[in-house]
Amino acid sequence: MRIVIKVGTSLIAPSGQIDANLLRGLVDQFDLNRNEYLIVTSGAIAAGMSGLGLRRRPRNVEGMQACAAVGQSQLMHTYERLFFGKKVVAQLLLSSDDFTSPVRYRNLQNALAELLSLGVVPIVNENDSVSVRELVGAFGDNDELSALLATAVKAHWLLLLTDVDGFYMPNGRKKPKLVRVVRKLTPALEAQCNGKNALGRGGMISKLRAAKLASEGGVHVAIVNGRHPHSIKLALERKIGTYFPPREN
């Protein structure tokens, strides 16, 4: 089974520093003997802020580019250590052009197919250090990127890991209700989303749209709390999170 795991900034670097213990817990859940994994990782800018001694996220593009360049190397170093002795990892920094240009898209698919055939775990992120469009939100904290990637590699599953249990709907005066299954994303559902993380660029609305994109491409999708100690296994069993079944064309 081929699985794309998207890890958001709220998990990787909640306070501006990489949470290696959380990432180790996620990697330990991988069944590397049975499944193929691709990781879409956020957190480069947040990690770079820590490396540069910045307390606040830069507001100018140049500052974000610098943070991304510093933080990306820290991210890859972390993943290399976590997979040491288990799997070889590869870094791919992508931009929206890689999915809109037919030639580049085909090259991307060929490269990913070769890496997976060699047993490599691709670590994918936006090319924030040079691609300005990504910095201003082209991929929504990598949510859309993960959906496009899952479709490109014909993944069976896309797991959008975040710091909440899934998609919640207002429930009058009672506590918001967790939606367990979303078969069709409607404007009414989108209207229930608001807010985003101070360090990230996503929010629930970008996750819903990514889930819609991937499910329409034939991928099973789940929005899951990545802090759960068995988040990956239980998500694949549809026991936690919000599930989006693939749409049949």
Protein backbone atom coordinates (compact mmCIF):
# COMPACT_ATOMS: atom_id res chain seq x y z
CA MET A 1 0.00 0.00 0.00
CA ARG A 2 1.24 3.47 -0.88
CA ILE A 3 0.63 6.16 1.75
CA VAL A 4 1.30 9.89 1.69
CA ILE A 5 1.75 11.39 5.17
CA LYS A 6 1.43 15.16 5.47
CA VAL A 7 2.80 16.60 8.73
CA GLY A 8 1.82 20.17 9.51
CA THR A 9 3.77 22.96 11.15
CA SER A 10 1.58 22.73 14.26
CA LEU A 11 3.04 19.24 14.85
CA ILE A 12 6.61 19.59 13.59
CA ALA A 13 7.51 22.92 15.13
CA PRO A 14 4.70 24.09 17.41
CA SER A 15 6.92 26.60 19.20
CA GLY A 16 9.34 27.35 16.39
CA GLN A 17 11.60 24.37 17.15
CA ILE A 18 11.48 20.93 15.54
CA ASP A 19 9.74 18.39 17.78
CA ALA A 20 12.01 15.40 17.08
CA ASN A 21 10.26 13.25 19.67
CA LEU A 22 6.90 13.62 17.95
CA LEU A 23 8.42 12.88 14.55
CA ARG A 24 10.17 9.82 15.99
CA GLY A 25 6.83 8.60 17.30
CA LEU A 26 5.29 8.98 13.85
CA VAL A 27 8.14 7.23 12.05
CA ASP A 28 8.01 4.36 14.54
CA GLN A 29 4.42 3.75 13.42
CA PHE A 30 5.45 3.14 9.80
CA ASP A 31 5.17 -0.46 8.61
CA LEU A 32 8.19 -0.16 6.33
CA ASN A 33 8.16 -3.82 5.35
CA ARG A 34 4.64 -3.72 3.95
CA ASN A 35 3.92 -0.18 2.79
CA GLU A 36 5.52 2.59 0.74
CA TYR A 37 5.58 6.02 2.37
CA LEU A 38 6.00 9.56 1.11
CA ILE A 39 6.23 12.37 3.66
CA VAL A 40 5.09 15.90 2.91
CA THR A 41 6.66 18.00 5.63
CA SER A 42 5.98 21.55 6.70
CA GLY A 43 7.95 23.44 9.33
CA ALA A 44 10.99 24.75 7.44
CA ILE A 45 10.23 28.41 8.10
CA ALA A 46 9.37 27.79 11.75
CA ALA A 47 12.55 25.74 12.24
CA GLY A 48 14.58 28.41 10.49
CA MET A 49 13.24 31.05 12.82
CA SER A 50 14.72 29.10 15.73
CA GLY A 51 18.03 28.65 13.94
CA LEU A 52 18.26 32.37 13.24
CA GLY A 53 17.13 33.38 16.73
CA LEU A 54 13.91 35.03 15.53
CA ARG A 55 10.93 35.18 17.86
CA ARG A 56 8.39 36.18 15.23
CA ARG A 57 7.73 34.95 11.73
CA PRO A 58 9.13 37.45 9.19
CA ARG A 59 6.53 39.43 7.30
CA ASN A 60 8.67 40.11 4.24
CA VAL A 61 9.31 37.51 1.56
CA GLU A 62 13.10 37.74 1.81
CA GLY A 63 12.99 36.99 5.53
CA MET A 64 10.77 33.95 4.98
CA GLN A 65 13.09 32.74 2.22
CA ALA A 66 16.06 32.94 4.56
CA CYS A 67 14.20 31.07 7.31
CA ALA A 68 13.12 28.36 4.85
CA ALA A 69 16.66 27.84 3.59
CA VAL A 70 18.04 27.47 7.12
CA GLY A 71 15.15 25.41 8.42
CA GLN A 72 15.02 22.99 5.48
CA SER A 73 18.49 21.63 6.22
CA GLN A 74 17.49 21.16 9.87
CA LEU A 75 14.37 19.28 8.81
CA MET A 76 16.27 16.91 6.51
CA HIS A 77 18.92 16.28 9.15
CA THR A 78 16.15 15.30 11.56
CA TYR A 79 14.52 12.92 9.08
CA GLU A 80 17.85 11.33 8.17
CA ARG A 81 18.51 10.58 11.82
CA LEU A 82 15.01 9.17 12.36
CA PHE A 83 15.28 6.80 9.38
CA PHE A 84 18.92 5.84 9.97
CA GLY A 85 19.30 2.07 9.71
CA LYS A 86 15.73 1.72 8.43
CA LYS A 87 15.41 3.47 5.07
CA VAL A 88 17.24 5.90 2.83
CA VAL A 89 15.46 9.25 2.52
CA ALA A 90 15.46 11.69 -0.40
CA GLN A 91 14.65 15.40 -0.47
CA LEU A 92 12.34 16.88 -3.09
CA LEU A 93 11.57 20.60 -3.06
CA LEU A 94 8.61 21.32 -5.33
CA SER A 95 6.74 24.32 -6.67
CA SER A 96 3.35 24.68 -8.33
CA ASP A 97 5.11 24.66 -11.72
CA ASP A 98 6.04 21.02 -11.17
CA PHE A 99 2.33 20.16 -11.35
CA THR A 100 1.21 22.53 -14.10
CA SER A 101 3.95 21.89 -16.67
CA PRO A 102 3.30 18.54 -18.45
CA VAL A 103 7.03 17.92 -18.93
CA ARG A 104 7.96 18.70 -15.34
CA TYR A 105 5.00 16.71 -14.03
CA ARG A 106 6.07 13.65 -16.02
CA ASN A 107 9.66 14.06 -14.81
CA LEU A 108 8.40 14.29 -11.24
CA GLN A 109 6.34 11.13 -11.60
CA ASN A 110 9.30 9.27 -13.10
CA ALA A 111 11.63 10.39 -10.31
CA LEU A 112 9.18 9.40 -7.60
CA ALA A 113 8.51 6.02 -9.21
CA GLU A 114 12.24 5.28 -9.32
CA LEU A 115 12.79 6.35 -5.72
CA LEU A 116 9.92 4.18 -4.49
CA SER A 117 11.14 1.21 -6.52
CA LEU A 118 14.50 1.57 -4.75
CA GLY A 119 12.84 1.54 -1.34
CA VAL A 120 13.57 5.21 -0.67
CA VAL A 121 11.26 7.41 1.43
CA PRO A 122 10.76 10.76 -0.39
CA ILE A 123 10.63 13.78 1.93
CA VAL A 124 8.73 16.50 0.09
CA ASN A 125 8.36 20.19 0.87
CA GLU A 126 7.56 23.42 -0.92
CA ASN A 127 10.52 25.17 -2.49
CA ASP A 128 10.06 28.11 -0.16
CA SER A 129 13.62 29.42 -0.40
CA VAL A 130 13.28 30.37 -4.08
CA SER A 131 9.61 30.12 -5.08
CA VAL A 132 7.80 33.24 -3.89
CA ARG A 133 4.35 31.97 -4.89
CA GLU A 134 4.59 29.18 -2.33
CA LEU A 135 5.50 31.66 0.41
CA VAL A 136 2.33 33.65 -0.18
CA GLY A 137 0.17 30.58 0.23
CA ALA A 138 0.00 28.73 -3.08
CA PHE A 139 -0.15 25.37 -1.33
CA GLY A 140 -1.71 26.30 2.04
CA ASP A 141 0.97 24.96 4.36
CA ASN A 142 1.55 21.96 2.06
CA ASP A 143 -2.03 20.67 2.23
CA GLU A 144 -2.70 21.08 -1.48
CA LEU A 145 0.82 19.90 -2.28
CA SER A 146 0.16 16.63 -0.44
CA ALA A 147 -3.08 16.12 -2.37
CA LEU A 148 -1.38 16.75 -5.71
CA LEU A 149 1.45 14.41 -4.74
CA ALA A 150 -0.93 11.65 -3.64
CA THR A 151 -2.70 11.88 -6.99
CA ALA A 152 0.58 11.96 -8.94
CA VAL A 153 1.86 8.73 -7.37
CA LYS A 154 -1.59 7.05 -7.31
CA ALA A 155 -1.46 6.66 -3.55
CA HIS A 156 -4.00 4.55 -1.73
CA TRP A 157 -4.14 6.91 1.25
CA LEU A 158 -3.41 10.52 2.16
CA LEU A 159 -3.22 11.22 5.88
CA LEU A 160 -3.35 14.91 6.81
CA LEU A 161 -1.85 15.00 10.30
CA THR A 162 -2.61 18.05 12.40
CA ASP A 163 -3.09 19.03 16.06
CA VAL A 164 -6.88 18.55 16.21
CA ASP A 165 -8.98 15.38 16.06
CA GLY A 166 -10.52 16.17 12.68
CA PHE A 167 -13.18 18.42 11.19
CA TYR A 168 -15.67 19.81 13.71
CA MET A 169 -19.12 21.24 13.03
CA PRO A 170 -20.92 23.68 15.34
CA ASN A 171 -23.55 21.96 17.45
CA GLY A 172 -25.70 24.74 18.82
CA ARG A 173 -24.82 25.50 22.41
CA LYS A 174 -23.21 22.12 22.85
CA LYS A 175 -19.62 21.21 22.12
CA PRO A 176 -18.71 21.15 18.41
CA LYS A 177 -19.31 17.73 16.87
CA LEU A 178 -16.57 15.76 15.14
CA VAL A 179 -17.60 14.84 11.61
CA ARG A 180 -16.53 11.27 11.03
CA VAL A 181 -17.20 11.03 7.28
CA VAL A 182 -17.44 13.69 4.59
CA ARG A 183 -18.68 12.31 1.29
CA LYS A 184 -18.99 15.66 -0.46
CA LEU A 185 -17.43 19.00 0.41
CA THR A 186 -20.01 21.74 0.10
CA PRO A 187 -19.75 25.54 0.46
CA ALA A 188 -21.76 25.19 3.68
CA LEU A 189 -19.10 22.92 5.15
CA GLU A 190 -16.30 25.22 4.04
CA ALA A 191 -18.06 28.14 5.72
CA GLN A 192 -17.65 26.43 9.11
CA CYS A 193 -13.86 26.81 8.97
CA ASN A 194 -11.91 29.71 10.36
CA GLY A 195 -8.52 30.45 11.83
CA LYS A 196 -5.01 29.17 11.19
CA ASN A 197 -1.83 28.51 13.09
CA ALA A 198 0.45 31.50 13.71
CA LEU A 199 3.47 29.64 12.33
CA GLY A 200 1.72 27.78 9.50
CA ARG A 201 -0.22 28.91 6.45
CA GLY A 202 -3.00 26.36 6.37
CA GLY A 203 -5.99 25.90 8.62
CA MET A 204 -8.90 23.48 8.34
CA ILE A 205 -10.23 25.05 5.15
CA SER A 206 -7.07 24.17 3.23
CA LYS A 207 -7.22 20.61 4.59
CA LEU A 208 -10.82 20.20 3.48
CA ARG A 209 -9.97 21.43 0.00
CA ALA A 210 -6.93 19.15 -0.16
CA ALA A 211 -9.08 16.20 0.93
CA LYS A 212 -11.59 17.04 -1.79
CA LEU A 213 -8.84 17.24 -4.42
CA ALA A 214 -7.26 13.93 -3.44
CA SER A 215 -10.53 12.03 -2.98
CA GLU A 216 -11.66 13.15 -6.42
CA GLY A 217 -8.42 11.63 -7.69
CA GLY A 218 -9.33 8.25 -6.20
CA VAL A 219 -7.41 8.52 -2.92
CA HIS A 220 -8.70 7.64 0.56
CA VAL A 221 -8.15 10.68 2.80
CA ALA A 222 -8.26 11.26 6.55
CA ILE A 223 -7.69 14.34 8.69
CA VAL A 224 -6.22 13.03 11.94
CA ASN A 225 -4.65 14.25 15.16
CA GLY A 226 -0.97 13.38 14.73
CA ARG A 227 -0.39 13.53 18.49
CA HIS A 228 -2.33 10.32 18.99
CA PRO A 229 0.22 7.56 19.76
CA HIS A 230 -1.36 5.26 17.13
CA SER A 231 -2.63 7.90 14.74
CA ILE A 232 -1.52 6.25 11.49
CA LYS A 233 -2.79 2.74 12.26
CA LEU A 234 -6.14 3.94 13.59
CA ALA A 235 -6.61 6.38 10.73
CA LEU A 236 -6.12 3.61 8.17
CA GLU A 237 -8.69 1.56 10.08
CA ARG A 238 -11.04 4.58 10.02
CA LYS A 239 -11.32 4.56 13.80
CA ILE A 240 -10.24 8.18 14.39
CA GLY A 241 -10.32 11.45 12.49
CA THR A 242 -12.48 12.59 9.61
CA TYR A 243 -12.58 10.27 6.61
CA PHE A 244 -13.12 11.25 2.97
CA PRO A 245 -13.88 8.26 0.72
CA PRO A 246 -12.57 8.31 -2.86
CA ARG A 247 -15.02 9.62 -5.42
CA GLU A 248 -15.86 7.24 -8.21
CA ASN A 249 -15.67 8.80 -11.66
